[in-house]
Protein backbone atom coordinates (compact mmCIF):
# COMPACT_ATOMS: atom_id res chain seq x y z
CA MET A 1 0.00 0.00 0.00
CA LYS A 2 1.21 3.47 -0.89
CA VAL A 3 1.15 6.28 1.65
CA ARG A 4 1.18 10.04 1.08
CA LEU A 5 3.41 12.04 3.40
CA GLU A 6 2.33 15.66 3.12
CA TYR A 7 5.13 17.83 4.53
CA VAL A 8 3.92 21.23 5.78
CA TRP A 9 6.06 24.22 6.72
CA ILE A 10 6.00 27.98 7.21
CA ASP A 11 7.75 30.16 4.63
CA GLY A 12 9.73 33.39 4.96
CA TYR A 13 7.30 35.95 3.54
CA LYS A 14 6.64 39.17 5.45
CA PRO A 15 4.89 40.70 7.25
CA GLU A 16 3.09 37.39 7.77
CA PRO A 17 4.29 34.01 6.46
CA ASN A 18 2.40 31.54 4.32
CA LEU A 19 1.99 27.80 4.72
CA ARG A 20 3.65 25.55 2.14
CA SER A 21 3.48 21.82 1.44
CA LYS A 22 4.87 19.08 -0.77
CA VAL A 23 3.98 15.40 -0.98
CA LYS A 24 6.19 12.32 -0.87
CA ILE A 25 4.73 8.93 -1.91
CA VAL A 26 6.21 5.93 -0.09
CA ASP A 27 5.40 2.30 0.63
CA TYR A 28 3.57 1.78 3.91
CA GLU A 29 5.91 -1.07 4.92
CA PHE A 30 8.87 1.24 4.44
CA ILE A 31 7.46 3.93 6.71
CA LYS A 32 5.30 2.09 9.29
CA ASN A 33 7.99 1.91 12.00
CA ASP A 34 8.55 5.65 11.68
CA ILE A 35 4.81 6.17 12.11
CA ILE A 36 4.77 4.05 15.28
CA VAL A 37 7.57 6.04 16.93
CA GLY A 38 6.27 9.31 15.48
CA LYS A 39 9.51 10.23 13.72
CA MET A 40 9.45 10.93 10.00
CA PRO A 41 12.54 11.28 7.79
CA GLU A 42 13.86 14.74 6.99
CA TRP A 43 13.38 16.19 3.52
CA ASN A 44 14.51 19.30 1.67
CA PHE A 45 13.10 22.06 -0.51
CA ASP A 46 14.11 25.05 -2.61
CA GLY A 47 14.32 27.91 -0.14
CA SER A 48 14.97 30.47 -2.88
CA SER A 49 11.29 30.17 -3.88
CA THR A 50 9.98 30.76 -0.36
CA LYS A 51 12.14 33.76 0.64
CA GLN A 52 14.26 31.50 2.85
CA ALA A 53 17.43 31.23 0.75
CA ASP A 54 19.47 32.60 -2.14
CA THR A 55 19.70 30.66 -5.37
CA ALA A 56 23.39 29.92 -4.77
CA ASP A 57 22.59 28.13 -1.49
CA SER A 58 18.95 27.18 -1.89
CA ASP A 59 18.66 23.79 -0.19
CA LYS A 60 16.83 24.01 3.13
CA ILE A 61 15.95 21.11 5.40
CA LEU A 62 12.46 20.13 6.54
CA LYS A 63 12.73 18.70 10.04
CA PRO A 64 9.52 16.86 11.05
CA VAL A 65 8.31 17.93 14.52
CA ARG A 66 4.79 16.49 14.67
CA ILE A 67 2.72 14.08 12.61
CA TYR A 68 -1.05 14.06 12.16
CA THR A 69 -2.64 10.76 11.20
CA SER A 70 -6.29 9.95 10.69
CA SER A 71 -8.05 7.88 13.32
CA PHE A 72 -8.90 5.50 10.46
CA PHE A 73 -5.31 5.18 9.23
CA PRO A 74 -4.21 3.12 7.33
CA ILE A 75 -7.49 1.38 6.37
CA GLU A 76 -9.62 4.25 5.07
CA ASN A 77 -7.13 7.06 4.73
CA ASN A 78 -3.51 6.93 3.63
CA THR A 79 -2.40 10.55 4.06
CA ILE A 80 -0.12 11.60 6.90
CA TYR A 81 0.45 15.30 7.52
CA VAL A 82 3.98 16.08 8.68
CA LEU A 83 4.50 19.49 10.28
CA CYS A 84 8.11 20.66 9.95
CA GLU A 85 10.57 23.23 11.16
CA VAL A 86 12.92 24.80 8.61
CA LEU A 87 16.66 24.29 9.11
CA ASN A 88 19.69 25.58 7.25
CA SER A 89 21.82 23.12 5.30
CA ASP A 90 24.17 22.84 8.30
CA GLY A 91 21.30 21.76 10.57
CA THR A 92 20.91 25.03 12.48
CA PRO A 93 17.46 26.65 12.75
CA HIS A 94 16.62 29.03 9.92
CA LYS A 95 16.01 32.64 10.97
CA THR A 96 12.34 32.32 9.99
CA ASN A 97 11.93 29.36 12.34
CA THR A 98 9.93 30.88 15.20
CA ARG A 99 9.05 27.52 16.73
CA CYS A 100 12.61 26.76 17.80
CA LYS A 101 12.60 29.86 20.04
CA LEU A 102 10.06 28.17 22.31
CA ASP A 103 12.78 25.73 23.41
CA LYS A 104 11.54 22.68 25.36
CA GLU A 105 7.93 21.67 25.84
CA GLN A 106 6.03 23.07 28.83
CA GLU A 107 3.13 20.68 29.33
CA ASP A 108 1.62 22.54 32.30
CA LEU A 109 0.87 25.48 29.98
CA TRP A 110 -2.64 25.04 28.59
CA LEU A 111 -3.68 27.09 25.58
CA GLY A 112 -7.02 27.80 23.96
CA PHE A 113 -6.90 29.73 20.68
CA GLU A 114 -9.99 31.41 19.26
CA GLN A 115 -9.26 31.71 15.53
CA GLU A 116 -11.51 34.22 13.78
CA TYR A 117 -11.50 34.59 10.00
CA PHE A 118 -13.52 35.89 7.05
CA ILE A 119 -14.38 33.90 3.94
CA ARG A 120 -13.96 35.65 0.59
CA GLU A 121 -15.66 34.39 -2.57
CA GLU A 122 -12.23 34.33 -4.22
CA ILE A 123 -8.85 35.99 -3.83
CA ASN A 124 -9.49 39.76 -3.60
CA GLY A 125 -13.18 38.98 -3.97
CA SER A 126 -16.10 40.10 -1.86
CA ILE A 127 -16.67 38.79 1.64
CA LEU A 128 -19.01 35.82 1.35
CA GLY A 129 -22.62 37.03 1.55
CA HIS A 130 -21.82 40.73 1.22
CA LYS A 131 -23.26 41.05 -2.28
CA ARG A 132 -26.73 41.07 -0.77
CA ASN A 133 -28.78 44.16 -1.49
CA ILE A 134 -29.33 44.74 2.21
CA LEU A 135 -26.89 43.91 5.00
CA LYS A 136 -28.23 43.99 8.54
CA GLY A 137 -26.31 45.18 11.55
CA GLN A 138 -23.62 42.75 12.62
CA GLY A 139 -25.42 41.66 15.79
CA GLU A 140 -27.98 39.53 13.94
CA TYR A 141 -25.31 37.32 12.38
CA TYR A 142 -23.59 36.25 15.60
CA CYS A 143 -24.25 32.52 16.15
CA GLY A 144 -26.90 32.83 13.47
CA VAL A 145 -28.73 30.16 11.53
CA GLY A 146 -30.56 29.97 8.20
CA HIS A 147 -30.34 33.13 6.09
CA ASN A 148 -28.21 34.83 8.78
CA VAL A 149 -25.15 32.69 7.98
CA VAL A 150 -23.17 31.68 4.92
CA GLY A 151 -20.47 29.02 4.48
CA ARG A 152 -21.65 26.52 7.09
CA GLU A 153 -20.94 23.44 4.95
CA PHE A 154 -17.34 24.57 4.53
CA VAL A 155 -16.98 25.22 8.27
CA GLU A 156 -18.32 21.78 9.17
CA LYS A 157 -15.94 20.07 6.74
CA HIS A 158 -13.05 21.85 8.41
CA THR A 159 -14.29 20.81 11.85
CA ASP A 160 -14.56 17.18 10.75
CA MET A 161 -11.02 17.18 9.36
CA CYS A 162 -9.57 18.61 12.56
CA ILE A 163 -11.35 15.97 14.62
CA LYS A 164 -10.28 13.18 12.26
CA TYR A 165 -6.62 14.17 12.55
CA GLY A 166 -6.54 14.53 16.32
CA ILE A 167 -6.70 18.30 16.69
CA ASP A 168 -8.78 19.16 19.76
CA ILE A 169 -11.17 21.60 18.13
CA THR A 170 -13.57 22.46 20.94
CA GLY A 171 -16.17 24.52 19.09
CA THR A 172 -17.19 26.72 16.18
CA ASN A 173 -19.60 29.61 15.73
CA ALA A 174 -20.65 32.22 13.22
CA GLU A 175 -19.20 35.57 14.24
CA VAL A 176 -20.75 39.05 14.40
CA ALA A 177 -20.19 39.88 10.72
CA LEU A 178 -21.78 37.95 7.87
CA GLY A 179 -19.14 35.69 6.32
CA GLN A 180 -17.04 35.71 9.49
CA TRP A 181 -16.49 32.54 11.53
CA GLU A 182 -14.54 31.35 14.55
CA TYR A 183 -13.23 28.02 15.77
CA GLN A 184 -11.51 27.18 19.04
CA VAL A 185 -8.53 24.85 19.49
CA PHE A 186 -7.33 23.56 22.87
CA SER A 187 -3.85 22.13 23.49
CA LYS A 188 -1.64 21.19 26.42
CA GLY A 189 1.94 22.38 25.96
CA LYS A 190 3.42 25.44 24.28
CA LEU A 191 4.86 23.52 21.31
CA LYS A 192 1.74 21.45 20.73
CA GLY A 193 -0.41 24.58 21.07
CA GLY A 194 1.41 26.34 18.26
CA ASP A 195 1.62 23.21 16.12
CA ASP A 196 -2.09 22.43 16.34
CA LEU A 197 -3.12 25.99 15.49
CA TRP A 198 -0.86 26.10 12.42
CA MET A 199 -2.11 22.70 11.22
CA SER A 200 -5.74 23.71 11.76
CA ARG A 201 -5.05 26.71 9.52
CA TYR A 202 -3.51 24.42 6.91
CA PHE A 203 -6.66 22.30 6.88
CA LEU A 204 -8.72 25.49 6.57
CA TYR A 205 -6.77 26.58 3.48
CA LYS A 206 -6.79 23.12 1.93
CA ILE A 207 -10.55 22.66 2.21
CA SER A 208 -11.12 26.17 0.84
CA GLU A 209 -9.63 24.93 -2.46
CA GLN A 210 -12.73 22.75 -2.94
CA TYR A 211 -14.97 25.85 -2.83
CA ASN A 212 -12.64 28.31 -4.54
CA TYR A 213 -12.82 30.39 -1.34
CA HIS A 214 -10.08 32.63 0.01
CA ILE A 215 -9.53 32.56 3.79
CA GLU A 216 -8.98 36.10 5.01
CA LEU A 217 -6.89 36.39 8.18
CA HIS A 218 -6.38 40.15 7.96
CA PRO A 219 -7.35 41.60 11.37
CA LYS A 220 -9.59 44.29 9.82
CA PRO A 221 -10.68 43.43 6.27
CA LEU A 222 -13.79 45.63 6.49
CA THR A 223 -12.79 49.21 7.24
CA HIS A 224 -16.11 50.72 6.14
CA GLY A 225 -19.23 50.44 8.25
CA GLU A 226 -19.50 49.23 11.81
CA TRP A 227 -17.95 45.78 11.61
CA ASN A 228 -15.71 43.94 14.05
CA GLY A 229 -12.24 42.86 13.05
CA SER A 230 -10.83 39.36 13.51
CA GLY A 231 -8.68 38.30 16.43
CA LEU A 232 -6.84 35.29 17.74
CA HIS A 233 -7.87 35.56 21.38
CA THR A 234 -5.51 33.41 23.42
CA ASN A 235 -6.64 31.74 26.63
CA PHE A 236 -3.84 30.45 28.85
CA SER A 237 -3.12 28.99 32.25
CA THR A 238 -0.35 27.22 34.14
CA GLU A 239 -0.51 24.61 36.89
CA LEU A 240 -0.07 27.33 39.53
CA MET A 241 -2.87 29.45 38.02
CA ARG A 242 -5.28 26.51 37.79
CA ASN A 243 -4.64 24.54 40.94
CA ASN A 244 -2.88 26.78 43.50
CA THR A 245 -0.04 24.29 43.88
CA ASN A 246 1.74 26.59 46.37
CA ASN A 247 -1.26 26.63 48.76
CA LEU A 248 -1.55 30.41 48.66
CA THR A 249 -4.24 32.32 50.54
CA PHE A 250 -6.96 34.20 48.62
CA SER A 251 -5.09 37.51 48.94
CA GLU A 252 -1.81 35.89 47.91
CA ARG A 253 -3.47 34.35 44.84
CA GLU A 254 -4.94 37.73 43.95
CA GLU A 255 -1.49 39.31 44.29
CA TYR A 256 -0.04 36.62 42.03
CA PHE A 257 -2.56 37.38 39.29
CA LYS A 258 -1.87 41.11 39.72
CA SER A 259 1.82 40.30 39.22
CA ILE A 260 0.82 38.70 35.91
CA PHE A 261 -1.06 41.85 34.90
CA SER A 262 1.92 44.04 35.89
CA SER A 263 4.29 41.89 33.86
CA PHE A 264 2.03 41.91 30.79
CA GLU A 265 1.59 45.68 31.09
CA SER A 266 5.36 46.29 31.37
CA ARG A 267 5.90 44.26 28.18
CA HIS A 268 2.82 45.52 26.33
CA TYR A 269 4.68 46.84 23.30
CA GLU A 270 6.77 43.67 23.00
CA HIS A 271 3.53 41.71 22.88
CA ILE A 272 1.98 44.05 20.31
CA LYS A 273 5.03 43.77 18.02
CA ASN A 274 4.49 40.01 17.91
CA TYR A 275 0.69 39.95 17.73
CA GLY A 276 0.22 40.36 13.99
CA SER A 277 0.65 43.03 11.32
CA GLN A 278 -1.85 45.88 10.82
CA ASN A 279 -3.42 45.04 14.15
CA ASP A 280 -3.65 48.78 14.81
CA LEU A 281 -6.64 48.86 12.44
CA ARG A 282 -8.43 46.44 14.77
CA LEU A 283 -7.25 47.57 18.24
CA THR A 284 -8.98 50.95 18.27
CA GLY A 285 -10.76 50.84 21.62
CA GLU A 286 -14.04 50.05 19.84
CA TYR A 287 -15.76 46.87 18.68
CA GLU A 288 -14.76 44.77 21.70
CA THR A 289 -11.11 45.86 21.73
CA GLN A 290 -8.83 48.03 23.82
CA SER A 291 -6.72 50.71 22.15
CA ILE A 292 -3.36 49.45 20.87
CA ASP A 293 -1.61 52.13 22.95
CA LYS A 294 -3.25 51.15 26.21
CA PHE A 295 -3.10 48.13 28.50
CA THR A 296 -5.99 47.24 30.80
CA TRP A 297 -7.41 44.18 32.50
CA GLY A 298 -10.92 43.65 33.72
CA ILE A 299 -13.25 41.02 35.08
CA SER A 300 -15.57 39.82 32.29
CA ASP A 301 -14.47 42.85 30.23
CA ARG A 302 -14.26 42.17 26.50
CA GLY A 303 -13.06 45.71 25.94
CA ALA A 304 -9.90 45.09 27.98
CA SER A 305 -6.48 43.86 26.86
CA ILE A 306 -6.74 40.95 29.30
CA ARG A 307 -10.16 39.55 30.20
CA VAL A 308 -10.45 37.86 33.57
CA PRO A 309 -13.30 35.32 33.48
CA LYS A 310 -15.72 35.60 36.39
CA SER A 311 -14.98 32.00 37.33
CA THR A 312 -11.29 32.90 37.71
CA ALA A 313 -11.88 36.06 39.74
CA GLU A 314 -14.12 34.30 42.27
CA ASN A 315 -11.17 32.51 43.89
CA TRP A 316 -8.28 33.76 41.70
CA ILE A 317 -7.83 30.27 40.32
CA GLY A 318 -8.23 29.61 36.59
CA TYR A 319 -7.24 31.01 33.22
CA LEU A 320 -6.89 34.39 31.52
CA GLU A 321 -7.71 35.60 28.01
CA ASP A 322 -5.31 37.82 26.06
CA ARG A 323 -7.57 39.62 23.58
CA ARG A 324 -4.85 41.57 21.77
CA PRO A 325 -3.50 39.10 19.15
CA GLY A 326 -4.72 39.65 15.61
CA SER A 327 -6.16 36.80 13.54
CA ASN A 328 -3.03 36.68 11.35
CA ALA A 329 -0.55 36.39 14.24
CA ASP A 330 2.04 33.61 14.46
CA PRO A 331 0.96 31.43 17.42
CA TYR A 332 4.59 30.56 18.20
CA LYS A 333 5.33 34.27 18.69
CA ILE A 334 2.24 34.72 20.85
CA ILE A 335 3.20 31.80 23.07
CA ASN A 336 6.77 33.05 23.35
CA GLN A 337 5.57 36.43 24.63
CA ILE A 338 3.08 34.90 27.06
CA THR A 339 5.61 32.49 28.58
CA THR A 340 8.20 35.27 28.93
CA SER A 341 5.71 37.52 30.72
CA LEU A 342 4.61 34.67 32.98
CA LYS A 343 8.22 34.04 34.01
CA ASN A 344 8.60 37.74 34.79
CA ALA A 345 5.39 37.62 36.81
CA GLU A 346 6.75 34.81 38.94
CA ALA A 347 9.88 36.88 39.63
CA ILE A 348 7.76 39.93 40.52
CA ASN A 349 5.58 37.89 42.84
CA GLU A 350 8.58 36.28 44.53
CA MET A 351 10.10 39.72 45.10
CA LYS A 352 6.87 40.97 46.66
CA TYR A 353 6.78 37.91 48.89
CA LYS A 354 10.35 38.46 50.10
CA ILE A 355 9.75 42.15 50.79
CA ASN A 356 6.62 41.49 52.81
CA TYR A 357 7.82 38.34 54.54
CA LYS A 358 7.99 38.76 58.34
CA ILE A 359 10.90 36.95 59.93
CA ASN A 360 10.31 35.40 63.34
CA ILE A 361 13.69 35.75 65.11
CA LYS A 362 12.77 33.28 67.83
CA ASP A 363 12.01 30.62 65.23
CA LEU A 364 15.37 31.26 63.59
CA ASP A 365 17.07 30.88 67.00
CA LYS A 366 15.52 27.46 67.39
CA LYS A 367 16.18 26.37 63.83
CA TYR A 368 19.73 27.66 63.34
CA GLY A 369 20.94 28.17 66.95
CA THR A 370 21.55 31.90 66.51
CA ILE A 371 22.62 34.07 69.47
CA THR A 372 22.21 37.72 70.41
CA ASN A 373 24.89 40.40 70.01
CA ASP A 374 25.55 40.46 73.79
CA GLU A 375 25.91 36.68 73.86
CA LEU A 376 28.28 36.83 70.91
CA LEU A 377 30.46 39.51 72.60
CA LYS A 378 30.55 37.56 75.88
CA GLU A 379 31.59 34.41 74.07
CA TYR A 380 34.30 36.34 72.26
CA GLN A 381 35.63 37.88 75.46
CA ASN A 382 35.88 34.48 77.13
CA ASP A 383 37.93 33.14 74.28
CA GLU A 384 41.51 32.31 75.37
CA GLU A 385 42.93 34.22 72.39
CA TYR A 386 40.85 37.28 73.15
CA GLN A 387 43.11 40.13 74.32
CA LEU A 388 42.98 43.89 74.05
CA LYS A 389 46.40 45.38 73.71
CA LYS A 390 47.35 48.52 75.65
CA GLU A 391 48.06 50.35 72.39
CA PHE A 392 44.45 49.78 71.29
CA MET A 393 42.98 50.78 74.65
CA ASP A 394 45.02 54.01 74.66
CA SER A 395 44.16 54.74 71.03
CA LYS A 396 42.01 57.73 70.15
CA ALA A 397 39.85 55.25 68.24
CA ASN A 398 38.75 53.90 71.61
CA VAL A 399 36.90 57.11 72.51
CA PRO A 400 33.16 56.98 73.16
CA THR A 401 31.26 58.39 70.20
CA GLU A 402 29.56 61.15 72.14
CA GLU A 403 32.94 62.64 73.12
CA ILE A 404 34.06 63.21 69.54
CA LYS A 405 33.56 66.89 68.77
CA PHE A 406 33.89 68.79 65.49
CA ASN A 407 34.95 72.42 65.16
CA ILE A 408 32.77 73.42 62.24
CA ASN A 409 33.92 77.06 62.16
CA GLY A 410 37.56 76.14 62.45
CA LYS A 411 37.97 78.22 65.60
C-alpha cells in the first residue's frame, strides 16, 4: 500500500508568512515503524522560492516535529500530515523558524486559541454574503442560523477534518459579521499549542480549495461600516494558576494574578510587536477591543487587553484571556511572549513575597541556633585568644562616640 506524506512548513514571507506543502509517496511497509515512533525522515526544498534562501545556497531542510494521522489510518485514509521546522543546510534553525525559540515543551501550559477569519468568494473577492442588497447590523449574524449565515458546509468540513486528525477543536460559531467565523482549538503544551493551530489553519486553506474560497486572516478586512475585526484571542493557564499548587491564601493568589497583569503591562509593546501586522486597524478601543496604545485588564471585560473570566476572579484560580492578538498572528510568537511575561510575573511575585515576609527571630534561633549580640560579645571575650592590647585601649579610636567633637567654624 502506498502512503502520502504531506510535509507542511512555514515560509519566509513578510509581514506574515504563508503555509507551504509538498507530498512524498512511499510504501507503507517502508514507513510504518517511523509512524509508530512518530519520527518521519527529513526532507529538503528550494528555499529560494519561499524567501528562505538565495539561489546559490537554496537547499533548506524540513525537520519533522509532529505528525497528524487519521483515526482511520491506514485502512480508510492513507495521508499523513507532517509538520516541519525549517533548518539551514548545516542543521541550524533558519532565521524564519519561530518555533525553535520556544525551546523545550512546557506541558503545564494550557492554551485555547480562538481563531476568527472571514471567507472571501475568491482571492481579492467580496466577503461571502456581502453582495446582498441589504446587510443587517452585525449583531444579527452572531451565532446565526438559516439566512443569517453563509459558508456553514465549509466550516463543518473543516471541523470534521480537525477531529479526524486529532486536533482538539472544541467549538465553532458564526461571528458578528456575515461571512465571518470562529473556531476554538485547545492544546496542552506550548509547542503542541502552536503546532495544532498552524495545522488547523492548513486544513482550513486546503478545504477552501474545494470551494474556490479565500480565507482572510487580515485583522480588519472591512474598514467601512461598523464591523468587528478578527482576532486570535488566546486563553492560557499554568498549573499554579489553575490549581494553587503553592497553597496560597486568597489575597496571595490575587497578588499573584496582579503580578501577571503588571508583567504583561510592562511588556505591552513587546507583545503588540508580535501579535500580527496591521493590528492597529483592529485595536482601536471600539468593537470589543482596547486601544493598541493602552493596556488594561478587567473582570468579564471584553473591551480590555486581558479579560479575567468571572470564574477565575471568584477565587483567583483559573485562566486568563489575552484579547490583543490579531487573527493573522504567528501562534509561536504569541506563546513566546506569554511564557516570557509569565516568568517575569513569577519573579515579581517572589520579590513581593520576600519584601513582605515577616521573619520570626525566635524561630530562627531554634532552627539555626543563633545568638544575640551580647551573647556573641561575651563568648568572644571568654575566648583564650581574646586580648585587648594597651596600644588599642590608649588609642584615640577607643573614645566613646559622644565625646568626639567637630569644630565646624575652624575656631
